[in-house]
Protein backbone atom coordinates (compact mmCIF):
# COMPACT_ATOMS: atom_id res chain seq x y z
CA UNK A 1 2.20 68.13 -0.94
CA UNK A 2 5.14 66.71 0.98
CA UNK A 3 8.85 67.53 1.02
CA UNK A 4 11.70 65.30 2.13
CA UNK A 5 13.69 66.77 5.03
CA UNK A 6 16.60 64.46 5.93
CA UNK A 7 14.38 61.41 5.37
CA UNK A 8 11.41 62.90 7.24
CA UNK A 9 8.42 63.74 5.06
CA UNK A 10 7.03 67.13 5.99
CA UNK A 11 3.33 67.05 5.12
CA UNK A 12 1.56 70.18 3.90
CA UNK A 13 -1.94 68.74 3.89
CA UNK A 14 -2.26 71.02 6.93
CA UNK A 15 -0.44 74.35 7.29
CA UNK A 16 3.01 74.47 8.85
CA UNK A 17 4.51 77.22 11.03
CA UNK A 18 8.12 78.31 10.50
CA UNK A 19 9.61 80.26 13.38
CA UNK A 20 12.04 83.06 12.58
CA UNK A 21 15.40 83.11 14.36
CA UNK A 22 17.34 86.15 13.22
CA UNK A 23 20.94 86.23 14.43
CA UNK A 24 21.54 89.65 12.90
CA UNK A 25 22.07 92.99 14.64
CA UNK A 26 19.91 94.90 12.15
CA UNK A 27 16.79 93.01 11.06
CA UNK A 28 13.71 95.26 10.90
CA UNK A 29 11.82 93.75 13.86
CA UNK A 30 14.06 91.64 16.12
CA UNK A 31 17.53 92.73 15.01
CA UNK A 32 20.02 92.50 17.87
CA UNK A 33 17.76 90.49 20.17
CA UNK A 34 19.42 87.15 19.48
CA UNK A 35 23.14 87.73 18.97
CA UNK A 36 24.37 86.22 22.24
CA UNK A 37 24.60 82.43 22.58
CA UNK A 38 22.47 82.13 25.71
CA UNK A 39 19.70 84.33 24.28
CA UNK A 40 19.78 82.34 21.04
CA UNK A 41 19.38 79.08 22.96
CA UNK A 42 16.47 80.44 25.00
CA UNK A 43 14.78 81.67 21.82
CA UNK A 44 15.35 78.32 20.07
CA UNK A 45 13.76 76.45 22.99
CA UNK A 46 10.81 78.85 22.92
CA UNK A 47 10.24 78.40 19.18
CA UNK A 48 10.30 74.60 19.53
CA UNK A 49 8.07 74.52 22.63
CA UNK A 50 5.51 76.85 21.03
CA UNK A 51 5.00 74.46 18.14
CA UNK A 52 6.97 75.57 15.07
CA UNK A 53 7.73 72.68 12.71
CA UNK A 54 10.58 74.58 11.05
CA UNK A 55 13.11 77.06 12.42
CA UNK A 56 14.32 79.53 9.79
CA UNK A 57 17.71 81.00 10.70
CA UNK A 58 18.86 84.23 9.12
CA UNK A 59 22.32 85.78 9.50
CA UNK A 60 22.10 88.35 6.70
CA UNK A 61 19.55 91.15 7.00
CA UNK A 62 17.75 91.77 3.72
CA UNK A 63 15.82 94.85 4.81
CA UNK A 64 16.36 97.95 2.63
CA UNK A 65 19.46 99.83 3.78
CA UNK A 66 20.85 96.99 5.89
CA UNK A 67 24.63 96.71 6.07
CA UNK A 68 26.03 94.24 3.54
CA UNK A 69 28.22 91.60 5.17
CA UNK A 70 30.83 89.22 3.80
CA UNK A 71 30.37 85.49 3.36
CA UNK A 72 32.83 84.99 6.22
CA UNK A 73 30.80 87.18 8.57
CA UNK A 74 27.58 85.41 7.62
CA UNK A 75 29.20 82.05 8.43
CA UNK A 76 30.63 83.39 11.68
CA UNK A 77 27.10 84.25 12.77
CA UNK A 78 25.61 80.95 11.62
CA UNK A 79 28.11 78.33 12.77
CA UNK A 80 27.76 78.73 16.57
CA UNK A 81 23.97 78.58 16.24
CA UNK A 82 24.06 75.50 14.03
CA UNK A 83 26.50 73.77 16.39
CA UNK A 84 24.08 74.43 19.24
CA UNK A 85 21.22 72.84 17.30
CA UNK A 86 23.38 69.84 16.36
CA UNK A 87 24.23 69.27 20.01
CA UNK A 88 20.95 70.07 21.75
CA UNK A 89 18.14 69.78 19.17
CA UNK A 90 19.38 67.40 16.43
CA UNK A 91 15.86 66.45 15.27
CA UNK A 92 14.80 70.03 14.52
CA UNK A 93 14.03 70.86 10.90
CA UNK A 94 16.26 73.83 10.17
CA UNK A 95 16.06 76.21 7.26
CA UNK A 96 18.88 78.67 6.57
CA UNK A 97 18.06 81.95 4.90
CA UNK A 98 20.95 82.58 2.47
CA UNK A 99 21.45 83.47 -1.19
CA UNK A 100 25.06 82.20 -1.20
CA UNK A 101 25.70 78.74 -2.62
CA UNK A 102 28.93 78.17 -0.67
CA UNK A 103 27.13 78.83 2.58
CA UNK A 104 24.35 76.47 1.48
CA UNK A 105 26.98 73.73 0.94
CA UNK A 106 28.54 74.21 4.36
CA UNK A 107 25.35 74.41 6.40
CA UNK A 108 23.85 71.31 4.75
CA UNK A 109 26.98 69.14 4.57
CA UNK A 110 28.54 70.09 7.91
CA UNK A 111 25.53 70.90 10.07
CA UNK A 112 22.63 68.89 8.65
CA UNK A 113 20.43 71.83 7.69
CA UNK A 114 17.28 70.55 5.96
CA UNK A 115 16.12 73.48 3.80
CA UNK A 116 17.74 76.42 1.99
CA UNK A 117 15.68 79.61 1.84
CA UNK A 118 16.91 81.91 -0.95
CA UNK A 119 15.45 85.42 -1.23
CA UNK A 120 16.82 85.75 -4.77
CA UNK A 121 15.71 82.39 -6.27
CA UNK A 122 19.25 81.97 -7.59
CA UNK A 123 19.53 85.45 -9.12
CA UNK A 124 22.26 86.62 -6.70
CA UNK A 125 24.44 83.50 -7.08
CA UNK A 126 24.45 81.62 -10.39
CA UNK A 127 25.77 78.51 -8.64
CA UNK A 128 22.83 78.19 -6.26
CA UNK A 129 20.62 75.99 -8.46
CA UNK A 130 23.38 73.45 -9.28
CA UNK A 131 24.38 73.34 -5.61
CA UNK A 132 20.81 72.73 -4.43
CA UNK A 133 20.46 69.93 -6.99
CA UNK A 134 23.72 68.40 -5.74
CA UNK A 135 22.71 68.71 -2.08
CA UNK A 136 19.23 67.32 -2.81
CA UNK A 137 17.50 69.45 -0.18
CA UNK A 138 14.19 71.34 -0.32
CA UNK A 139 14.60 74.85 -1.72
CA UNK A 140 12.52 77.92 -0.95
CA UNK A 141 12.69 80.30 -3.90
CA UNK A 142 11.40 83.81 -3.32
CA UNK A 143 10.39 86.49 -5.80
CA UNK A 144 12.23 89.77 -5.37
CA UNK A 145 12.32 92.62 -7.84
CA UNK A 146 15.90 93.93 -7.86
CA UNK A 147 18.21 93.47 -4.88
CA UNK A 148 17.77 94.32 -1.18
CA UNK A 149 19.49 97.67 -1.88
CA UNK A 150 17.27 98.63 -4.81
CA UNK A 151 14.04 96.64 -4.40
CA UNK A 152 11.98 99.46 -2.87
CA UNK A 153 13.11 102.14 -5.34
CA UNK A 154 9.71 102.76 -6.92
CA UNK A 155 8.85 99.13 -7.83
CA UNK A 156 6.34 98.84 -10.67
CA UNK A 157 4.50 96.07 -12.52
CA UNK A 158 2.10 95.97 -15.44
CA UNK A 159 0.30 92.91 -14.04
CA UNK A 160 1.91 91.87 -10.78
CA UNK A 161 0.30 88.43 -10.39
CA UNK A 162 1.01 87.46 -14.00
CA UNK A 163 4.61 88.69 -13.79
CA UNK A 164 5.37 86.81 -10.59
CA UNK A 165 3.71 83.64 -11.88
CA UNK A 166 5.84 83.88 -15.05
CA UNK A 167 8.92 84.34 -12.87
CA UNK A 168 8.14 81.15 -10.97
CA UNK A 169 7.25 79.22 -14.13
CA UNK A 170 10.69 79.98 -15.57
CA UNK A 171 12.50 79.18 -12.32
CA UNK A 172 10.59 75.93 -11.79
CA UNK A 173 11.36 74.81 -15.33
CA UNK A 174 15.09 75.29 -14.71
CA UNK A 175 14.85 73.62 -11.29
CA UNK A 176 13.15 70.57 -12.77
CA UNK A 177 15.69 70.30 -15.60
CA UNK A 178 18.61 70.48 -13.19
CA UNK A 179 17.16 67.94 -10.76
CA UNK A 180 15.82 70.00 -7.85
CA UNK A 181 13.01 67.86 -6.47
CA UNK A 182 11.34 69.79 -3.65
CA UNK A 183 10.53 73.46 -4.23
CA UNK A 184 8.56 75.85 -2.04
CA UNK A 185 7.63 79.23 -3.52
CA UNK A 186 7.49 82.54 -1.66
CA UNK A 187 5.83 85.48 -3.47
CA UNK A 188 8.11 87.83 -1.53
CA UNK A 189 5.87 90.19 0.40
CA UNK A 190 7.73 93.46 0.89
CA UNK A 191 10.51 92.60 -1.54
CA UNK A 192 10.17 94.98 -4.46
CA UNK A 193 6.49 95.70 -3.83
CA UNK A 194 4.53 98.74 -2.72
CA UNK A 195 1.94 98.51 0.03
CA UNK A 196 -0.79 98.20 -2.62
CA UNK A 197 1.16 95.46 -4.44
CA UNK A 198 1.42 93.47 -1.23
CA UNK A 199 -2.32 93.55 -0.57
CA UNK A 200 -3.13 92.65 -4.15
CA UNK A 201 -0.71 89.75 -3.88
CA UNK A 202 -2.36 88.49 -0.72
CA UNK A 203 -5.84 89.01 -2.14
CA UNK A 204 -4.99 86.82 -5.16
CA UNK A 205 -2.70 84.35 -3.41
CA UNK A 206 -4.86 81.37 -4.42
CA UNK A 207 -3.66 81.84 -8.03
CA UNK A 208 -0.26 80.47 -7.00
CA UNK A 209 -1.81 77.02 -6.54
CA UNK A 210 -1.28 76.61 -10.28
CA UNK A 211 2.43 76.02 -9.59
CA UNK A 212 1.65 72.81 -7.65
CA UNK A 213 4.21 73.92 -5.04
CA UNK A 214 3.70 74.67 -1.36
CA UNK A 215 3.42 78.44 -0.87
CA UNK A 216 5.26 80.20 1.96
CA UNK A 217 3.89 83.51 3.22
CA UNK A 218 6.09 85.85 5.23
CA UNK A 219 4.19 88.94 6.29
CA UNK A 220 4.94 88.89 10.01
CA UNK A 221 5.00 92.46 11.38
CA UNK A 222 6.10 93.83 7.99
CA UNK A 223 5.78 97.39 6.71
CA UNK A 224 2.68 96.50 4.69
CA UNK A 225 1.01 96.25 8.10
CA UNK A 226 2.71 98.83 10.31
CA UNK A 227 2.84 101.56 7.66
CA UNK A 228 -0.84 101.09 6.89
CA UNK A 229 -1.68 101.33 10.59
CA UNK A 230 0.87 104.09 11.29
CA UNK A 231 2.26 101.97 14.09
CA UNK A 232 5.53 100.34 15.10
CA UNK A 233 6.29 96.68 14.30
CA UNK A 234 5.98 95.91 18.03
CA UNK A 235 2.30 96.91 17.98
CA UNK A 236 0.85 95.05 14.99
CA UNK A 237 0.49 91.46 16.19
CA UNK A 238 -3.35 91.38 15.90
CA UNK A 239 -3.22 92.64 12.31
CA UNK A 240 -0.44 90.17 11.48
CA UNK A 241 -2.56 87.29 12.79
CA UNK A 242 -5.59 88.52 10.82
CA UNK A 243 -3.62 88.57 7.57
CA UNK A 244 -2.10 85.18 8.31
CA UNK A 245 -5.61 83.75 8.56
CA UNK A 246 -6.41 85.31 5.18
CA UNK A 247 -3.24 83.71 3.77
CA UNK A 248 -4.32 80.29 5.07
CA UNK A 249 -7.78 80.69 3.55
CA UNK A 250 -6.14 81.49 0.21
CA UNK A 251 -3.89 78.43 0.23
CA UNK A 252 -0.69 79.22 2.13
CA UNK A 253 1.12 76.05 3.23
CA UNK A 254 3.78 77.69 5.44
CA UNK A 255 3.53 80.78 7.62
CA UNK A 256 6.95 82.26 8.43
CA UNK A 257 6.48 84.25 11.64
CA UNK A 258 8.02 85.86 14.70
CA UNK A 259 5.09 85.00 16.99
CA UNK A 260 4.87 81.24 17.04
CA UNK A 261 2.43 80.52 19.87
CA UNK A 262 -0.19 82.93 18.54
CA UNK A 263 0.20 81.72 14.94
CA UNK A 264 -0.12 78.07 16.00
CA UNK A 265 -3.44 79.03 17.58
CA UNK A 266 -4.55 80.61 14.29
CA UNK A 267 -3.61 77.43 12.43
CA UNK A 268 -5.54 75.27 14.92
CA UNK A 269 -8.65 77.41 14.45
CA UNK A 270 -8.22 77.25 10.67
CA UNK A 271 -7.84 73.46 10.75
CA UNK A 272 -10.98 73.12 12.87
CA UNK A 273 -12.95 75.32 10.48
CA UNK A 274 -11.91 73.06 7.63
CA UNK A 275 -12.67 69.80 9.43
CA UNK A 276 -16.39 70.32 10.03
């Protein structure tokens, strides 16, 4: 369970924390917090110092109802941030959250980004799979039912676990045929799922081990938590940490989170539990 990031082997024999850096004005939790260069730099330093092995940068908000932006605007948000990392933190393992193959090409070839994180698993850009194979970088493919605009319009499944596993089986077959070597799967909590779907997915997460791929879990402060608790995203850190521990116990390899320091502590406790 390793992936090759620019010649560095990232080992998933123990869980890895990916820190979220949203440079959008409208993400559901931290939208607008990190749109100025100095604030972005301070946040990047904090994520690194608190122990995240990966920084996942997003410039396109995929929450339901978010404003759709052009490829040019997405790049305009990304490039200053990536230049800053190139200059000040060149060893950092960066992931860019994009479904656009042209952006994937630019961020990898021009800025040394290590991982592409695609919410659509290639469904929103038919060129994404060939581009990832050409770039030879690790690829996070996420399950989403529909598109960000439509995904929460009464999503339904006959057998959710079976359907998502079939989705990944088909995608992994294509990826292997086309020469994509390192794949991470993300079941897509909150993307085309009801609250009940999300908890069923987490409760049966261990079934995704059958794919032989590292599993990324992104549930940090999401609606499956704050709607259940009738709270705001700002006030659900304890519940987020509790569910992240459940995810680790059920086989998650990567936790994608807003709260790095606290999640690193959860991972340390989990590792200790599994070492005795």
